Structures are given as structure tokens and as C-alpha cells.
C-alpha atoms as a PDB file:
ATOM      1  CA  UNK A   1     187.888-231.782 236.688  1.00  0.00           C
ATOM      2  CA  UNK A   2     190.616-232.647 234.213  1.00  0.00           C
ATOM      3  CA  UNK A   3     194.031-231.132 234.738  1.00  0.00           C
ATOM      4  CA  UNK A   4     196.005-229.772 231.789  1.00  0.00           C
ATOM      5  CA  UNK A   5     199.709-229.292 231.726  1.00  0.00           C
ATOM      6  CA  UNK A   6     201.060-225.725 232.025  1.00  0.00           C
ATOM      7  CA  UNK A   7     202.212-225.519 228.402  1.00  0.00           C
ATOM      8  CA  UNK A   8     198.771-226.467 227.104  1.00  0.00           C
ATOM      9  CA  UNK A   9     197.168-223.965 229.476  1.00  0.00           C
ATOM     10  CA  UNK A  10     199.410-221.146 228.214  1.00  0.00           C
ATOM     11  CA  UNK A  11     198.596-222.077 224.613  1.00  0.00           C
ATOM     12  CA  UNK A  12     194.865-221.965 225.375  1.00  0.00           C
ATOM     13  CA  UNK A  13     195.205-218.597 227.099  1.00  0.00           C
ATOM     14  CA  UNK A  14     197.110-217.161 224.130  1.00  0.00           C
ATOM     15  CA  UNK A  15     194.472-218.531 221.725  1.00  0.00           C
ATOM     16  CA  UNK A  16     191.675-216.886 223.735  1.00  0.00           C
ATOM     17  CA  UNK A  17     193.608-213.635 224.076  1.00  0.00           C
ATOM     18  CA  UNK A  18     194.054-213.468 220.309  1.00  0.00           C
ATOM     19  CA  UNK A  19     190.237-213.359 219.965  1.00  0.00           C
ATOM     20  CA  UNK A  20     189.999-210.068 221.866  1.00  0.00           C
ATOM     21  CA  UNK A  21     188.751-207.185 219.734  1.00  0.00           C
ATOM     22  CA  UNK A  22     190.007-203.850 221.058  1.00  0.00           C
ATOM     23  CA  UNK A  23     187.896-200.723 220.488  1.00  0.00           C
ATOM     24  CA  UNK A  24     189.143-198.088 218.115  1.00  0.00           C
ATOM     25  CA  UNK A  25     190.186-194.647 219.311  1.00  0.00           C
ATOM     26  CA  UNK A  26     186.957-193.194 217.884  1.00  0.00           C
ATOM     27  CA  UNK A  27     184.821-195.708 219.802  1.00  0.00           C
ATOM     28  CA  UNK A  28     186.650-194.958 223.051  1.00  0.00           C
ATOM     29  CA  UNK A  29     186.246-191.204 222.598  1.00  0.00           C
ATOM     30  CA  UNK A  30     182.555-191.548 221.688  1.00  0.00           C
ATOM     31  CA  UNK A  31     181.676-193.774 224.632  1.00  0.00           C
ATOM     32  CA  UNK A  32     183.698-191.573 227.003  1.00  0.00           C
ATOM     33  CA  UNK A  33     181.799-188.511 225.797  1.00  0.00           C
ATOM     34  CA  UNK A  34     178.488-190.343 226.235  1.00  0.00           C
ATOM     35  CA  UNK A  35     179.404-191.273 229.814  1.00  0.00           C
ATOM     36  CA  UNK A  36     180.387-187.673 230.576  1.00  0.00           C
ATOM     37  CA  UNK A  37     177.137-186.271 229.148  1.00  0.00           C
ATOM     38  CA  UNK A  38     174.964-188.844 230.930  1.00  0.00           C
ATOM     39  CA  UNK A  39     176.773-188.241 234.218  1.00  0.00           C
ATOM     40  CA  UNK A  40     176.236-184.500 233.869  1.00  0.00           C
ATOM     41  CA  UNK A  41     172.532-184.986 233.128  1.00  0.00           C
ATOM     42  CA  UNK A  42     172.152-187.281 236.161  1.00  0.00           C
ATOM     43  CA  UNK A  43     173.952-184.794 238.415  1.00  0.00           C
ATOM     44  CA  UNK A  44     171.658-181.966 237.293  1.00  0.00           C
ATOM     45  CA  UNK A  45     168.579-184.155 237.766  1.00  0.00           C
ATOM     46  CA  UNK A  46     169.523-185.205 241.289  1.00  0.00           C
ATOM     47  CA  UNK A  47     170.455-181.632 242.231  1.00  0.00           C
ATOM     48  CA  UNK A  48     166.979-180.499 241.174  1.00  0.00           C
ATOM     49  CA  UNK A  49     165.341-183.376 243.074  1.00  0.00           C
ATOM     50  CA  UNK A  50     167.423-182.515 246.146  1.00  0.00           C
ATOM     51  CA  UNK A  51     166.348-178.868 245.947  1.00  0.00           C
ATOM     52  CA  UNK A  52     162.712-179.917 245.644  1.00  0.00           C
ATOM     53  CA  UNK A  53     162.896-182.239 248.637  1.00  0.00           C
ATOM     54  CA  UNK A  54     164.699-179.587 250.698  1.00  0.00           C
ATOM     55  CA  UNK A  55     162.105-176.928 249.859  1.00  0.00           C
ATOM     56  CA  UNK A  56     159.278-179.352 250.593  1.00  0.00           C
ATOM     57  CA  UNK A  57     160.679-180.327 253.976  1.00  0.00           C
ATOM     58  CA  UNK A  58     161.350-176.705 254.897  1.00  0.00           C
ATOM     59  CA  UNK A  59     157.771-175.855 253.970  1.00  0.00           C
ATOM     60  CA  UNK A  60     156.384-178.720 256.039  1.00  0.00           C
ATOM     61  CA  UNK A  61     158.617-177.994 259.031  1.00  0.00           C
ATOM     62  CA  UNK A  62     157.847-174.266 258.974  1.00  0.00           C
ATOM     63  CA  UNK A  63     154.256-175.086 260.006  1.00  0.00           C
ATOM     64  CA  UNK A  64     155.481-176.682 263.221  1.00  0.00           C
END
């Protein structure tokens, strides 16, 4: 593994950092809204599944 001097390393890091493309405010807001909606849908789904499993187990256990 070749070693580079610190100055060259810093120059390479700055060159790579200049290639970063930051999202726009609109993109951040849109993806944040999508995450919120998907999380809400998942929470509702798992709440319904939990209710179904609970009712099923209560029905099974009521026979015993």
C-alpha cells in the first residue's frame, strides 16, 4: 500500500468532496414526506396484524 503525504491526501479529499451533489430543499421535503407516509402505512398494517393475531390466539385459548 503506497503512502501519500498529508498535503496530497488533503487535496484528494477536497477534490472528492467537491463532487458531492447535495439534494435541493424540494427533494428533501418530498423524500421526508414519503418516509412519513410509508411509516404511517406500515404502523397501521402491523397494528391490524397484531389485532388479528391477538384475536386468533384468544379464540384458540378460549377453547382450553
